Amino acid sequence: MRHFYKSHGKHCYLRSFKTTCPTCGADVLFWECTHGSKIFFEYPPYGKLVKHYCRKYLSSKIIKNKFKVIVKTPNRLFENSNISCPICGKIFNNSSSLDDHLIMLKKTDPEHKKFFMDRIKFSGEESYKNKKIQKENNSTPSLKFGQVNIKKINKNTS
């Protein structure tokens, strides 16, 4: 009595015979089951059946991978970005409008005024003097890990 299984296995064998692969011409074992599934296996079969993979198909796959991968950068990725104010972050189209903005707000806005007061001028001896003055007036001591730091207060200031 024949059972009607819904899956493939030893029970669904219909026919098998030795033949050649239609694409690469290698000797293969053709296997067909009662469900209509047709598979090529490597020939001669030693132990467990191994599915046949065509050499022509594999070589064509390798040739396709030999082409270079072209990566295109998006438009405007490396173009010059708009100039922004370092204090308030406002964006400008050109540097002259940024300079006008800084000059106008230097007089009225305290943050812009402070930015120009703290700014160091880089011209010869003045930059050297400014660095020396900053080192002398450095109010924050160098902190070290694991050390208790006590801030010294100047008693001479009134």
N, C-alpha and C. Protein backbone atom coordinates (compact mmCIF):
# COMPACT_ATOMS: atom_id res chain seq x y z
N MET A 1 0.84 -1.17 0.00
CA MET A 1 0.00 0.00 0.00
C MET A 1 0.89 1.24 0.00
N ARG A 2 0.59 2.21 -0.86
CA ARG A 2 1.39 3.42 -1.01
C ARG A 2 0.79 4.55 -0.17
N HIS A 3 1.67 5.20 0.62
CA HIS A 3 1.24 6.36 1.40
C HIS A 3 1.54 7.62 0.61
N PHE A 4 0.69 8.63 0.69
CA PHE A 4 0.90 9.89 -0.02
C PHE A 4 1.47 10.91 0.96
N TYR A 5 2.80 11.05 0.94
CA TYR A 5 3.49 11.98 1.81
C TYR A 5 3.48 13.38 1.18
N LYS A 6 3.55 14.40 2.04
CA LYS A 6 3.56 15.78 1.55
C LYS A 6 4.98 16.34 1.44
N SER A 7 6.01 15.57 1.81
CA SER A 7 7.38 16.06 1.78
C SER A 7 8.26 15.12 0.99
N HIS A 8 9.48 15.61 0.64
CA HIS A 8 10.44 14.78 -0.07
C HIS A 8 11.18 13.89 0.91
N GLY A 9 11.70 12.79 0.41
CA GLY A 9 12.48 11.88 1.24
C GLY A 9 12.76 10.59 0.48
N LYS A 10 13.11 9.54 1.21
CA LYS A 10 13.40 8.26 0.58
C LYS A 10 12.16 7.66 -0.06
N HIS A 11 11.01 8.02 0.44
CA HIS A 11 9.76 7.43 -0.03
C HIS A 11 9.29 8.00 -1.37
N CYS A 12 9.80 9.19 -1.80
CA CYS A 12 9.25 9.82 -3.00
C CYS A 12 10.16 9.66 -4.22
N TYR A 13 10.91 8.59 -4.28
CA TYR A 13 11.80 8.32 -5.41
C TYR A 13 11.00 7.83 -6.61
N LEU A 14 11.22 8.44 -7.80
CA LEU A 14 10.55 7.98 -9.01
C LEU A 14 11.54 7.31 -9.95
N ARG A 15 12.61 8.03 -10.31
CA ARG A 15 13.62 7.44 -11.19
C ARG A 15 14.94 8.20 -11.05
N SER A 16 16.05 7.54 -11.40
CA SER A 16 17.36 8.17 -11.43
C SER A 16 18.23 7.43 -12.44
N PHE A 17 19.11 8.19 -13.11
CA PHE A 17 20.01 7.59 -14.10
C PHE A 17 21.20 8.52 -14.34
N LYS A 18 22.29 7.92 -14.88
CA LYS A 18 23.49 8.69 -15.17
C LYS A 18 23.28 9.45 -16.47
N THR A 19 23.71 10.73 -16.48
CA THR A 19 23.60 11.56 -17.68
C THR A 19 24.69 12.63 -17.62
N THR A 20 24.68 13.55 -18.58
CA THR A 20 25.63 14.67 -18.57
C THR A 20 24.88 15.97 -18.32
N CYS A 21 25.56 16.90 -17.67
CA CYS A 21 24.95 18.20 -17.37
C CYS A 21 24.77 18.96 -18.68
N PRO A 22 23.58 19.52 -18.95
CA PRO A 22 23.36 20.22 -20.22
C PRO A 22 24.18 21.51 -20.36
N THR A 23 24.61 22.14 -19.27
CA THR A 23 25.34 23.41 -19.38
C THR A 23 26.85 23.22 -19.37
N CYS A 24 27.38 22.36 -18.46
CA CYS A 24 28.84 22.23 -18.37
C CYS A 24 29.36 20.90 -18.92
N GLY A 25 28.51 19.92 -19.17
CA GLY A 25 28.92 18.66 -19.77
C GLY A 25 29.55 17.67 -18.81
N ALA A 26 29.47 17.86 -17.51
CA ALA A 26 30.05 16.94 -16.53
C ALA A 26 29.11 15.75 -16.32
N ASP A 27 29.68 14.60 -15.89
CA ASP A 27 28.86 13.43 -15.57
C ASP A 27 28.10 13.68 -14.28
N VAL A 28 26.77 13.51 -14.34
CA VAL A 28 25.91 13.75 -13.18
C VAL A 28 24.89 12.62 -13.05
N LEU A 29 24.27 12.54 -11.87
CA LEU A 29 23.20 11.60 -11.62
C LEU A 29 21.90 12.39 -11.61
N PHE A 30 21.00 12.08 -12.55
CA PHE A 30 19.70 12.76 -12.61
C PHE A 30 18.76 12.04 -11.66
N TRP A 31 18.06 12.78 -10.81
CA TRP A 31 17.14 12.19 -9.82
C TRP A 31 15.82 12.92 -9.92
N GLU A 32 14.72 12.17 -9.95
CA GLU A 32 13.38 12.74 -10.05
C GLU A 32 12.49 12.06 -9.02
N CYS A 33 11.60 12.83 -8.39
CA CYS A 33 10.71 12.26 -7.39
C CYS A 33 9.26 12.31 -7.87
N THR A 34 8.37 11.71 -7.09
CA THR A 34 6.95 11.65 -7.46
C THR A 34 6.29 13.02 -7.41
N HIS A 35 6.89 13.98 -6.70
CA HIS A 35 6.32 15.34 -6.64
C HIS A 35 6.67 16.16 -7.87
N GLY A 36 7.59 15.65 -8.71
CA GLY A 36 7.99 16.38 -9.91
C GLY A 36 9.30 17.12 -9.77
N SER A 37 9.98 16.98 -8.64
CA SER A 37 11.24 17.67 -8.43
C SER A 37 12.36 16.94 -9.16
N LYS A 38 13.19 17.70 -9.88
CA LYS A 38 14.30 17.12 -10.65
C LYS A 38 15.60 17.77 -10.17
N ILE A 39 16.60 16.92 -9.80
CA ILE A 39 17.86 17.42 -9.25
C ILE A 39 19.01 16.68 -9.89
N PHE A 40 20.13 17.41 -10.12
CA PHE A 40 21.37 16.79 -10.58
C PHE A 40 22.30 16.63 -9.38
N PHE A 41 22.87 15.40 -9.22
CA PHE A 41 23.84 15.12 -8.17
C PHE A 41 25.17 14.78 -8.80
N GLU A 42 26.26 14.96 -8.04
CA GLU A 42 27.60 14.62 -8.53
C GLU A 42 27.69 13.12 -8.77
N TYR A 43 28.41 12.73 -9.85
CA TYR A 43 28.56 11.31 -10.19
C TYR A 43 30.03 10.94 -10.15
N PRO A 44 30.46 9.87 -9.69
CA PRO A 44 29.73 8.77 -9.05
C PRO A 44 29.39 9.11 -7.60
N PRO A 45 28.25 8.62 -7.12
CA PRO A 45 27.84 8.92 -5.74
C PRO A 45 28.59 8.07 -4.74
N TYR A 46 29.31 8.73 -3.81
CA TYR A 46 30.01 8.04 -2.73
C TYR A 46 29.35 8.47 -1.43
N GLY A 47 28.61 7.61 -0.78
CA GLY A 47 27.95 7.95 0.48
C GLY A 47 26.78 8.89 0.22
N LYS A 48 26.77 10.02 0.91
CA LYS A 48 25.68 10.99 0.80
C LYS A 48 25.74 11.69 -0.54
N LEU A 49 24.57 11.89 -1.16
CA LEU A 49 24.51 12.56 -2.46
C LEU A 49 24.84 14.04 -2.31
N VAL A 50 25.67 14.56 -3.22
CA VAL A 50 26.08 15.96 -3.21
C VAL A 50 25.49 16.63 -4.43
N LYS A 51 24.79 17.76 -4.23
CA LYS A 51 24.15 18.47 -5.33
C LYS A 51 25.20 19.01 -6.29
N HIS A 52 24.91 18.94 -7.59
CA HIS A 52 25.83 19.39 -8.62
C HIS A 52 25.65 20.89 -8.86
N TYR A 53 26.75 21.64 -8.81
CA TYR A 53 26.75 23.06 -9.16
C TYR A 53 27.59 23.22 -10.41
N CYS A 54 27.01 23.77 -11.46
CA CYS A 54 27.70 23.88 -12.75
C CYS A 54 28.92 24.77 -12.65
N ARG A 55 30.02 24.34 -13.30
CA ARG A 55 31.25 25.13 -13.30
C ARG A 55 31.07 26.39 -14.13
N LYS A 56 30.32 26.30 -15.21
CA LYS A 56 30.10 27.48 -16.06
C LYS A 56 29.33 28.55 -15.30
N TYR A 57 28.35 28.11 -14.51
CA TYR A 57 27.55 29.07 -13.74
C TYR A 57 28.42 29.76 -12.70
N LEU A 58 29.28 28.98 -12.02
CA LEU A 58 30.16 29.56 -11.00
C LEU A 58 31.17 30.52 -11.62
N SER A 59 31.74 30.14 -12.79
CA SER A 59 32.73 31.02 -13.42
C SER A 59 32.09 32.31 -13.91
N SER A 60 30.86 32.24 -14.40
CA SER A 60 30.19 33.46 -14.85
C SER A 60 29.88 34.37 -13.67
N LYS A 61 29.62 33.77 -12.51
CA LYS A 61 29.37 34.56 -11.30
C LYS A 61 30.63 35.30 -10.87
N ILE A 62 31.79 34.63 -10.99
CA ILE A 62 33.07 35.24 -10.61
C ILE A 62 33.41 36.39 -11.56
N ILE A 63 33.15 36.22 -12.85
CA ILE A 63 33.43 37.26 -13.83
C ILE A 63 32.59 38.50 -13.55
N LYS A 64 31.35 38.32 -13.14
CA LYS A 64 30.49 39.46 -12.81
C LYS A 64 31.05 40.25 -11.64
N ASN A 65 31.70 39.56 -10.69
CA ASN A 65 32.24 40.23 -9.51
C ASN A 65 33.57 40.91 -9.78
N LYS A 66 34.19 40.70 -10.96
CA LYS A 66 35.48 41.31 -11.26
C LYS A 66 35.36 42.80 -11.56
N PHE A 67 34.17 43.28 -11.89
CA PHE A 67 34.00 44.69 -12.22
C PHE A 67 34.17 45.55 -10.97
N LYS A 68 34.72 46.73 -11.16
CA LYS A 68 34.96 47.63 -10.05
C LYS A 68 33.63 48.17 -9.52
N VAL A 69 33.61 48.39 -8.23
CA VAL A 69 32.45 48.99 -7.59
C VAL A 69 32.61 50.50 -7.70
N ILE A 70 31.64 51.15 -8.31
CA ILE A 70 31.70 52.59 -8.51
C ILE A 70 30.86 53.25 -7.42
N VAL A 71 31.50 54.08 -6.62
CA VAL A 71 30.81 54.80 -5.56
C VAL A 71 30.79 56.26 -5.94
N LYS A 72 29.60 56.80 -6.11
CA LYS A 72 29.45 58.21 -6.46
C LYS A 72 29.09 58.99 -5.21
N THR A 73 29.78 60.10 -5.00
CA THR A 73 29.47 60.95 -3.86
C THR A 73 28.24 61.78 -4.18
N PRO A 74 27.41 62.04 -3.19
CA PRO A 74 26.22 62.85 -3.43
C PRO A 74 26.60 64.28 -3.82
N ASN A 75 25.73 64.92 -4.58
CA ASN A 75 25.96 66.30 -4.99
C ASN A 75 26.06 67.20 -3.77
N ARG A 76 26.92 68.17 -3.84
CA ARG A 76 27.13 69.20 -2.81
C ARG A 76 27.71 68.64 -1.52
N LEU A 77 28.29 67.45 -1.55
CA LEU A 77 28.85 66.90 -0.32
C LEU A 77 30.16 67.59 0.05
N PHE A 78 31.04 67.81 -0.96
CA PHE A 78 32.34 68.39 -0.68
C PHE A 78 32.44 69.85 -1.13
N GLU A 79 31.33 70.45 -1.48
CA GLU A 79 31.35 71.86 -1.85
C GLU A 79 31.52 72.70 -0.58
N ASN A 80 31.94 73.94 -0.78
CA ASN A 80 32.11 74.84 0.36
C ASN A 80 30.76 75.11 0.98
N SER A 81 30.65 74.87 2.26
CA SER A 81 29.39 75.12 2.94
C SER A 81 29.29 76.61 3.26
N ASN A 82 28.10 77.04 3.60
CA ASN A 82 27.88 78.44 3.93
C ASN A 82 28.63 78.80 5.21
N ILE A 83 29.01 80.06 5.31
CA ILE A 83 29.77 80.55 6.46
C ILE A 83 28.79 80.86 7.58
N SER A 84 29.14 80.46 8.81
CA SER A 84 28.26 80.73 9.94
C SER A 84 29.00 81.52 11.01
N CYS A 85 28.24 82.25 11.78
CA CYS A 85 28.79 83.05 12.87
C CYS A 85 29.24 82.10 13.99
N PRO A 86 30.47 82.25 14.51
CA PRO A 86 30.93 81.34 15.56
C PRO A 86 30.23 81.54 16.89
N ILE A 87 29.55 82.67 17.09
CA ILE A 87 28.90 82.95 18.37
C ILE A 87 27.45 82.52 18.37
N CYS A 88 26.67 83.04 17.40
CA CYS A 88 25.23 82.77 17.40
C CYS A 88 24.82 81.68 16.41
N GLY A 89 25.70 81.31 15.47
CA GLY A 89 25.40 80.24 14.53
C GLY A 89 24.60 80.67 13.31
N LYS A 90 24.38 81.96 13.12
CA LYS A 90 23.63 82.45 11.97
C LYS A 90 24.44 82.19 10.69
N ILE A 91 23.75 81.74 9.63
CA ILE A 91 24.42 81.34 8.39
C ILE A 91 24.40 82.50 7.39
N PHE A 92 25.56 82.71 6.72
CA PHE A 92 25.71 83.78 5.74
C PHE A 92 26.23 83.20 4.43
N ASN A 93 25.91 83.91 3.32
CA ASN A 93 26.33 83.45 1.99
C ASN A 93 27.80 83.75 1.71
N ASN A 94 28.30 84.88 2.22
CA ASN A 94 29.70 85.24 1.95
C ASN A 94 30.33 85.83 3.21
N SER A 95 31.64 85.99 3.17
CA SER A 95 32.36 86.44 4.36
C SER A 95 32.14 87.92 4.65
N SER A 96 31.85 88.73 3.62
CA SER A 96 31.64 90.16 3.87
C SER A 96 30.37 90.39 4.70
N SER A 97 29.32 89.62 4.44
CA SER A 97 28.10 89.77 5.24
C SER A 97 28.33 89.28 6.67
N LEU A 98 29.18 88.28 6.85
CA LEU A 98 29.53 87.83 8.20
C LEU A 98 30.30 88.92 8.94
N ASP A 99 31.25 89.58 8.25
CA ASP A 99 32.01 90.67 8.87
C ASP A 99 31.10 91.81 9.28
N ASP A 100 30.14 92.17 8.41
CA ASP A 100 29.19 93.24 8.74
C ASP A 100 28.37 92.86 9.98
N HIS A 101 27.94 91.61 10.04
CA HIS A 101 27.16 91.11 11.18
C HIS A 101 27.96 91.22 12.47
N LEU A 102 29.23 90.81 12.42
CA LEU A 102 30.07 90.86 13.62
C LEU A 102 30.33 92.29 14.07
N ILE A 103 30.55 93.20 13.12
CA ILE A 103 30.82 94.60 13.46
C ILE A 103 29.59 95.24 14.09
N MET A 104 28.39 94.95 13.54
CA MET A 104 27.16 95.54 14.08
C MET A 104 26.86 95.02 15.48
N LEU A 105 26.96 93.71 15.67
CA LEU A 105 26.58 93.14 16.96
C LEU A 105 27.69 93.25 18.01
N LYS A 106 28.91 93.60 17.59
CA LYS A 106 29.99 93.80 18.56
C LYS A 106 29.66 94.97 19.48
N LYS A 107 28.92 95.94 18.96
CA LYS A 107 28.59 97.13 19.74
C LYS A 107 27.41 96.90 20.67
N THR A 108 26.46 96.04 20.29
CA THR A 108 25.22 95.90 21.07
C THR A 108 25.12 94.59 21.86
N ASP A 109 25.53 93.48 21.28
CA ASP A 109 25.34 92.17 21.92
C ASP A 109 26.51 91.85 22.84
N PRO A 110 26.25 91.50 24.11
CA PRO A 110 27.36 91.22 25.04
C PRO A 110 28.16 89.96 24.68
N GLU A 111 27.50 88.95 24.10
CA GLU A 111 28.22 87.72 23.73
C GLU A 111 29.21 87.99 22.61
N HIS A 112 28.79 88.77 21.61
CA HIS A 112 29.68 89.10 20.50
C HIS A 112 30.83 89.98 20.99
N LYS A 113 30.53 90.89 21.92
CA LYS A 113 31.55 91.78 22.47
C LYS A 113 32.59 90.97 23.24
N LYS A 114 32.14 89.98 24.02
CA LYS A 114 33.04 89.13 24.80
C LYS A 114 33.93 88.30 23.87
N PHE A 115 33.36 87.86 22.75
CA PHE A 115 34.12 87.08 21.78
C PHE A 115 35.30 87.89 21.25
N PHE A 116 35.09 89.16 20.95
CA PHE A 116 36.17 90.00 20.43
C PHE A 116 37.17 90.38 21.51
N MET A 117 36.73 90.47 22.76
CA MET A 117 37.66 90.79 23.84
C MET A 117 38.59 89.60 24.12
N ASP A 118 38.06 88.37 24.04
CA ASP A 118 38.85 87.17 24.32
C ASP A 118 39.71 86.75 23.14
N ARG A 119 39.46 87.32 21.99
CA ARG A 119 40.14 86.92 20.76
C ARG A 119 41.60 87.36 20.81
N ILE A 120 42.51 86.48 20.42
CA ILE A 120 43.94 86.76 20.43
C ILE A 120 44.35 87.23 19.04
N LYS A 121 45.13 88.32 18.98
CA LYS A 121 45.63 88.80 17.69
C LYS A 121 46.94 88.09 17.40
N PHE A 122 47.06 87.53 16.20
CA PHE A 122 48.26 86.80 15.82
C PHE A 122 49.13 87.67 14.93
N SER A 123 49.95 88.50 15.58
CA SER A 123 50.88 89.32 14.80
C SER A 123 52.15 89.51 15.62
N GLY A 124 53.18 88.76 15.28
CA GLY A 124 54.51 88.92 15.87
C GLY A 124 54.56 88.84 17.38
N GLU A 125 55.06 89.93 18.01
CA GLU A 125 55.31 89.94 19.45
C GLU A 125 54.03 90.01 20.26
N GLU A 126 52.97 90.60 19.68
CA GLU A 126 51.73 90.74 20.43
C GLU A 126 51.16 89.38 20.81
N SER A 127 51.23 88.42 19.88
CA SER A 127 50.71 87.09 20.18
C SER A 127 51.53 86.43 21.28
N TYR A 128 52.86 86.65 21.26
CA TYR A 128 53.73 86.09 22.29
C TYR A 128 53.41 86.71 23.65
N LYS A 129 53.20 88.04 23.68
CA LYS A 129 52.86 88.73 24.93
C LYS A 129 51.51 88.26 25.46
N ASN A 130 50.54 88.11 24.57
CA ASN A 130 49.21 87.67 25.00
C ASN A 130 49.26 86.27 25.61
N LYS A 131 50.06 85.39 25.03
CA LYS A 131 50.19 84.04 25.57
C LYS A 131 50.84 84.07 26.95
N LYS A 132 51.83 84.94 27.10
CA LYS A 132 52.54 85.05 28.38
C LYS A 132 51.59 85.59 29.45
N ILE A 133 50.78 86.59 29.09
CA ILE A 133 49.82 87.18 30.04
C ILE A 133 48.76 86.15 30.42
N GLN A 134 48.32 85.37 29.45
CA GLN A 134 47.30 84.35 29.73
C GLN A 134 47.83 83.30 30.70
N LYS A 135 49.10 82.93 30.56
CA LYS A 135 49.68 81.93 31.47
C LYS A 135 49.74 82.48 32.89
N GLU A 136 50.07 83.78 33.02
CA GLU A 136 50.15 84.39 34.35
C GLU A 136 48.77 84.52 34.97
N ASN A 137 47.76 84.88 34.18
CA ASN A 137 46.41 85.11 34.68
C ASN A 137 45.54 83.85 34.65
N ASN A 138 46.16 82.72 34.43
CA ASN A 138 45.39 81.48 34.34
C ASN A 138 44.77 81.18 35.70
N SER A 139 43.45 81.31 35.81
CA SER A 139 42.78 81.13 37.10
C SER A 139 42.49 79.66 37.39
N THR A 140 42.44 78.81 36.36
CA THR A 140 42.16 77.40 36.60
C THR A 140 43.48 76.63 36.69
N PRO A 141 43.77 76.01 37.83
CA PRO A 141 45.01 75.25 37.95
C PRO A 141 44.91 73.95 37.15
N SER A 142 46.07 73.37 36.85
CA SER A 142 46.06 72.11 36.12
C SER A 142 45.57 71.01 37.06
N LEU A 143 44.53 70.31 36.67
CA LEU A 143 43.92 69.30 37.51
C LEU A 143 44.55 67.95 37.23
N LYS A 144 44.73 67.15 38.27
CA LYS A 144 45.27 65.81 38.13
C LYS A 144 44.30 64.83 38.75
N PHE A 145 44.23 63.65 38.18
CA PHE A 145 43.31 62.63 38.66
C PHE A 145 43.74 62.12 40.03
N GLY A 146 42.78 62.03 40.96
CA GLY A 146 43.06 61.49 42.28
C GLY A 146 43.68 62.47 43.25
N GLN A 147 43.75 63.74 42.87
CA GLN A 147 44.37 64.74 43.73
C GLN A 147 43.30 65.73 44.16
N VAL A 148 43.32 66.12 45.43
CA VAL A 148 42.38 67.11 45.94
C VAL A 148 42.93 68.49 45.60
N ASN A 149 42.15 69.28 44.87
CA ASN A 149 42.60 70.61 44.46
C ASN A 149 41.85 71.67 45.26
N ILE A 150 42.60 72.57 45.85
CA ILE A 150 42.00 73.67 46.61
C ILE A 150 42.32 74.95 45.88
N LYS A 151 41.28 75.73 45.60
CA LYS A 151 41.45 76.97 44.85
C LYS A 151 42.01 78.05 45.77
N LYS A 152 43.08 78.72 45.32
CA LYS A 152 43.71 79.78 46.09
C LYS A 152 43.01 81.10 45.77
N ILE A 153 42.73 81.89 46.80
CA ILE A 153 42.06 83.18 46.64
C ILE A 153 43.08 84.28 46.89
N ASN A 154 43.13 85.25 45.95
CA ASN A 154 44.03 86.39 46.12
C ASN A 154 43.43 87.34 47.14
N LYS A 155 44.14 87.63 48.24
CA LYS A 155 43.65 88.52 49.28
C LYS A 155 43.96 89.98 48.96
N ASN A 156 44.83 90.22 47.98
CA ASN A 156 45.24 91.58 47.64
C ASN A 156 44.16 92.30 46.85
N THR A 157 43.28 91.58 46.15
CA THR A 157 42.25 92.24 45.33
C THR A 157 41.17 92.78 46.24
N SER A 158 40.65 93.97 45.91
CA SER A 158 39.60 94.55 46.74
C SER A 158 38.34 94.78 45.96
